[in-house]
Amino acid sequence: MTATDLLRAHVLDGTLAPGSRLVELQLAEEYAVSRAAVRTAIGELAKEGLVDRQANRGAVVRRVALDEAIQITEVRNLLERLTVARAAEHATDAEREELRSIAVAMRTAVEEDRLGDYSALNGVLHRRLRELSRHDVAADLVANLRNRAAHHQFRLALIPGRALESLAQHEAIVHAVVAGDASAAERAMAEHLDSVVSALQRWAEHDRRG
């Protein structure tokens, strides 16, 4: 993996939490790369909206406000309805079986209360749906948007009852894609992401009330 891949992975999995300072020398030693490679990685992640460069502080992992996370999810809704519909149209039999397997693993994770694993599988499912769409432009845009709000997505999975609700929505998406029903897949994805927006809005309202 390149320094950019490593740094992105550590931002997305929470190893480097929002607000964490990115010290070039420290990261270069950890990743066994040059400071120039780390500087390039920080620049790439800044373009992706994952890192902020701040005066007198250097680079830090970007904090995404809840209001921004809501807007990101609203845009994802438009794009992921397209990608999931295309996935339903283009997925092969082997790819449909893979989606079934991911859905089964997601259910097992929820039943065993392994919410971290469920959140990771959630990401895997959405990534595979993007890839199966064969729509490279939409897939790249969705991946970038999803990464920018990754911290909030993980925290949502920890809300009591949210994982079970989310699971049912993802199973509906998989069922529609496996059936080759593009319209049903699009509706299921819209319902899922509308639910995410609602959960984020409730969360934001709770924070405002303090």
Protein backbone atom coordinates (compact mmCIF):
# COMPACT_ATOMS: atom_id res chain seq x y z
CA MET A 1 0.00 0.00 0.00
CA THR A 2 1.14 3.53 -0.71
CA ALA A 3 1.41 6.21 1.97
CA THR A 4 -1.82 7.69 0.61
CA ASP A 5 -3.62 4.35 0.94
CA LEU A 6 -2.32 3.85 4.48
CA LEU A 7 -3.21 7.34 5.61
CA ARG A 8 -6.69 7.13 4.07
CA ALA A 9 -7.31 3.76 5.72
CA HIS A 10 -6.28 5.10 9.13
CA VAL A 11 -8.55 8.11 8.76
CA LEU A 12 -11.52 6.00 7.66
CA ASP A 13 -11.15 3.30 10.33
CA GLY A 14 -10.82 5.87 13.11
CA THR A 15 -7.19 5.14 13.95
CA LEU A 16 -6.69 8.83 13.22
CA ALA A 17 -9.77 10.49 14.70
CA PRO A 18 -11.26 13.79 13.50
CA GLY A 19 -9.09 16.64 14.75
CA SER A 20 -5.91 14.52 14.94
CA ARG A 21 -2.75 16.35 13.88
CA LEU A 22 -0.85 14.75 11.00
CA VAL A 23 2.87 15.07 11.77
CA GLU A 24 4.92 14.31 8.67
CA LEU A 25 8.00 12.93 10.46
CA GLN A 26 5.93 10.70 12.73
CA LEU A 27 3.87 9.31 9.85
CA ALA A 28 6.96 8.80 7.68
CA GLU A 29 8.52 6.67 10.41
CA GLU A 30 5.31 4.72 11.01
CA TYR A 31 4.74 4.01 7.31
CA ALA A 32 8.45 3.55 6.51
CA VAL A 33 8.30 6.11 3.71
CA SER A 34 9.85 9.50 3.00
CA ARG A 35 8.41 12.75 4.33
CA ALA A 36 7.80 13.74 0.72
CA ALA A 37 5.54 10.68 0.30
CA VAL A 38 3.62 11.65 3.44
CA ARG A 39 3.32 15.25 2.23
CA THR A 40 1.89 13.96 -1.06
CA ALA A 41 -0.54 11.72 0.84
CA ILE A 42 -1.75 14.62 2.97
CA GLY A 43 -2.26 16.68 -0.17
CA GLU A 44 -4.30 13.91 -1.81
CA LEU A 45 -6.51 13.50 1.25
CA ALA A 46 -7.00 17.27 1.44
CA LYS A 47 -8.37 17.13 -2.13
CA GLU A 48 -10.72 14.32 -1.04
CA GLY A 49 -12.06 16.39 1.84
CA LEU A 50 -10.61 14.13 4.53
CA VAL A 51 -7.84 16.46 5.74
CA ASP A 52 -7.70 20.17 6.55
CA ARG A 53 -4.58 22.28 6.37
CA GLN A 54 -4.77 24.88 9.14
CA ALA A 55 -2.64 27.94 9.81
CA ASN A 56 -0.23 27.38 12.71
CA ARG A 57 -1.45 23.80 13.19
CA GLY A 58 -0.43 22.07 9.99
CA ALA A 59 -2.65 19.28 8.69
CA VAL A 60 -5.42 17.71 10.76
CA VAL A 61 -8.05 15.05 10.09
CA ARG A 62 -11.13 16.98 9.02
CA ARG A 63 -14.15 17.22 11.29
CA VAL A 64 -17.38 16.93 9.32
CA ALA A 65 -20.31 18.68 10.98
CA LEU A 66 -23.63 16.84 11.19
CA ASP A 67 -25.30 19.37 8.88
CA GLU A 68 -22.65 18.67 6.26
CA ALA A 69 -23.03 14.89 6.78
CA ILE A 70 -26.76 15.29 6.09
CA GLN A 71 -26.06 17.15 2.86
CA ILE A 72 -23.51 14.52 1.84
CA THR A 73 -26.07 11.77 2.40
CA GLU A 74 -28.70 13.63 0.39
CA VAL A 75 -26.31 13.81 -2.58
CA ARG A 76 -25.36 10.15 -2.09
CA ASN A 77 -29.04 9.31 -2.32
CA LEU A 78 -29.22 10.71 -5.84
CA LEU A 79 -26.07 8.94 -7.01
CA GLU A 80 -26.49 5.60 -5.24
CA ARG A 81 -29.99 5.16 -6.62
CA LEU A 82 -28.32 5.24 -10.05
CA THR A 83 -25.50 2.87 -9.14
CA VAL A 84 -27.72 0.31 -7.43
CA ALA A 85 -30.13 0.30 -10.38
CA ARG A 86 -27.20 -0.31 -12.72
CA ALA A 87 -25.93 -3.07 -10.40
CA ALA A 88 -29.31 -4.80 -10.65
CA GLU A 89 -29.05 -4.64 -14.43
CA HIS A 90 -25.44 -5.76 -14.79
CA ALA A 91 -24.57 -8.13 -11.92
CA THR A 92 -23.59 -11.65 -12.90
CA ASP A 93 -24.86 -14.78 -11.15
CA ALA A 94 -21.58 -15.06 -9.25
CA GLU A 95 -21.79 -11.41 -8.17
CA ARG A 96 -25.38 -11.85 -7.01
CA GLU A 97 -24.28 -14.81 -4.89
CA GLU A 98 -21.53 -12.66 -3.41
CA LEU A 99 -24.10 -10.04 -2.41
CA ARG A 100 -26.22 -12.72 -0.75
CA SER A 101 -23.19 -13.85 1.23
CA ILE A 102 -22.44 -10.32 2.40
CA ALA A 103 -26.05 -9.89 3.54
CA VAL A 104 -25.89 -13.15 5.50
CA ALA A 105 -22.66 -12.04 7.17
CA MET A 106 -24.28 -8.70 8.05
CA ARG A 107 -27.22 -10.47 9.72
CA THR A 108 -24.88 -12.72 11.68
CA ALA A 109 -22.89 -9.69 12.87
CA VAL A 110 -26.06 -7.96 14.10
CA GLU A 111 -27.38 -11.10 15.81
CA GLU A 112 -24.03 -11.52 17.59
CA ASP A 113 -23.92 -7.81 18.48
CA ARG A 114 -20.66 -7.28 16.56
CA LEU A 115 -21.51 -3.74 15.52
CA GLY A 116 -17.99 -2.87 14.41
CA ASP A 117 -18.03 -5.83 12.03
CA TYR A 118 -21.50 -4.86 10.84
CA SER A 119 -20.32 -1.33 10.05
CA ALA A 120 -17.35 -2.72 8.10
CA LEU A 121 -19.60 -5.10 6.13
CA ASN A 122 -21.95 -2.21 5.42
CA GLY A 123 -19.04 -0.46 3.74
CA VAL A 124 -18.13 -3.60 1.80
CA LEU A 125 -21.69 -3.98 0.50
CA HIS A 126 -21.96 -0.39 -0.67
CA ARG A 127 -18.53 -0.63 -2.32
CA ARG A 128 -19.44 -3.80 -4.20
CA LEU A 129 -22.75 -2.31 -5.35
CA ARG A 130 -20.85 0.66 -6.75
CA GLU A 131 -18.39 -1.62 -8.51
CA LEU A 132 -21.13 -3.81 -9.95
CA SER A 133 -22.83 -0.76 -11.45
CA ARG A 134 -19.99 -0.49 -14.01
CA HIS A 135 -20.58 3.30 -13.76
CA ASP A 136 -17.11 4.56 -12.91
CA VAL A 137 -17.90 8.26 -12.60
CA ALA A 138 -20.83 7.80 -10.21
CA ALA A 139 -18.93 5.15 -8.25
CA ASP A 140 -15.93 7.45 -7.72
CA LEU A 141 -18.14 10.35 -6.61
CA VAL A 142 -20.07 8.17 -4.16
CA ALA A 143 -16.88 6.69 -2.70
CA ASN A 144 -15.51 10.17 -2.05
CA LEU A 145 -18.74 11.36 -0.44
CA ARG A 146 -19.05 8.24 1.69
CA ASN A 147 -15.46 8.58 2.91
CA ARG A 148 -16.02 12.18 3.98
CA ALA A 149 -18.84 11.14 6.34
CA ALA A 150 -17.34 7.79 7.41
CA HIS A 151 -16.96 8.80 11.06
CA HIS A 152 -20.66 9.57 11.37
CA GLN A 153 -21.62 6.33 9.62
CA PHE A 154 -19.70 4.30 12.19
CA ARG A 155 -21.29 6.18 15.09
CA LEU A 156 -24.77 5.67 13.65
CA ALA A 157 -24.25 1.91 13.72
CA LEU A 158 -23.75 2.12 17.49
CA ILE A 159 -27.14 3.76 18.17
CA PRO A 160 -29.40 1.20 19.93
CA GLY A 161 -31.72 -0.44 17.41
CA ARG A 162 -30.16 1.29 14.41
CA ALA A 163 -28.20 -1.74 13.18
CA LEU A 164 -31.32 -3.93 13.02
CA GLU A 165 -33.22 -1.24 11.12
CA SER A 166 -30.30 -0.72 8.76
CA LEU A 167 -29.94 -4.48 8.25
CA ALA A 168 -33.52 -4.83 6.99
CA GLN A 169 -32.95 -1.99 4.55
CA HIS A 170 -29.74 -3.51 3.21
CA GLU A 171 -31.39 -6.91 2.84
CA ALA A 172 -34.12 -5.26 0.76
CA ILE A 173 -31.48 -3.67 -1.46
CA VAL A 174 -29.69 -6.99 -1.95
CA HIS A 175 -32.96 -8.83 -2.64
CA ALA A 176 -33.85 -6.34 -5.39
CA VAL A 177 -30.40 -6.43 -7.00
CA VAL A 178 -30.30 -10.23 -6.91
CA ALA A 179 -33.76 -10.30 -8.51
CA GLY A 180 -32.49 -7.98 -11.26
CA ASP A 181 -35.22 -5.44 -10.40
CA ALA A 182 -33.62 -2.03 -11.00
CA SER A 183 -36.69 -0.04 -9.94
CA ALA A 184 -37.07 -1.93 -6.66
CA ALA A 185 -33.34 -1.58 -5.98
CA GLU A 186 -33.54 2.15 -6.52
CA ARG A 187 -36.54 2.44 -4.16
CA ALA A 188 -34.82 0.34 -1.50
CA MET A 189 -31.67 2.45 -1.65
CA ALA A 190 -33.72 5.66 -1.44
CA GLU A 191 -35.56 4.33 1.62
CA HIS A 192 -32.26 3.38 3.26
CA LEU A 193 -30.53 6.71 2.70
CA ASP A 194 -33.68 8.67 3.63
CA SER A 195 -33.53 6.75 6.91
CA VAL A 196 -29.87 7.70 7.37
CA VAL A 197 -30.74 11.38 6.82
CA SER A 198 -33.55 11.14 9.37
CA ALA A 199 -31.23 9.53 11.93
CA LEU A 200 -28.61 12.25 11.38
CA GLN A 201 -31.26 14.97 11.71
CA ARG A 202 -32.46 13.52 15.03
CA TRP A 203 -28.87 13.33 16.21
CA ALA A 204 -28.24 16.96 15.19
CA GLU A 205 -31.40 18.11 16.97
CA HIS A 206 -30.35 16.24 20.12
CA ASP A 207 -26.94 17.96 20.01
CA ARG A 208 -28.55 21.40 19.56
CA ARG A 209 -30.73 20.84 22.59
CA GLY A 210 -27.60 19.84 24.47
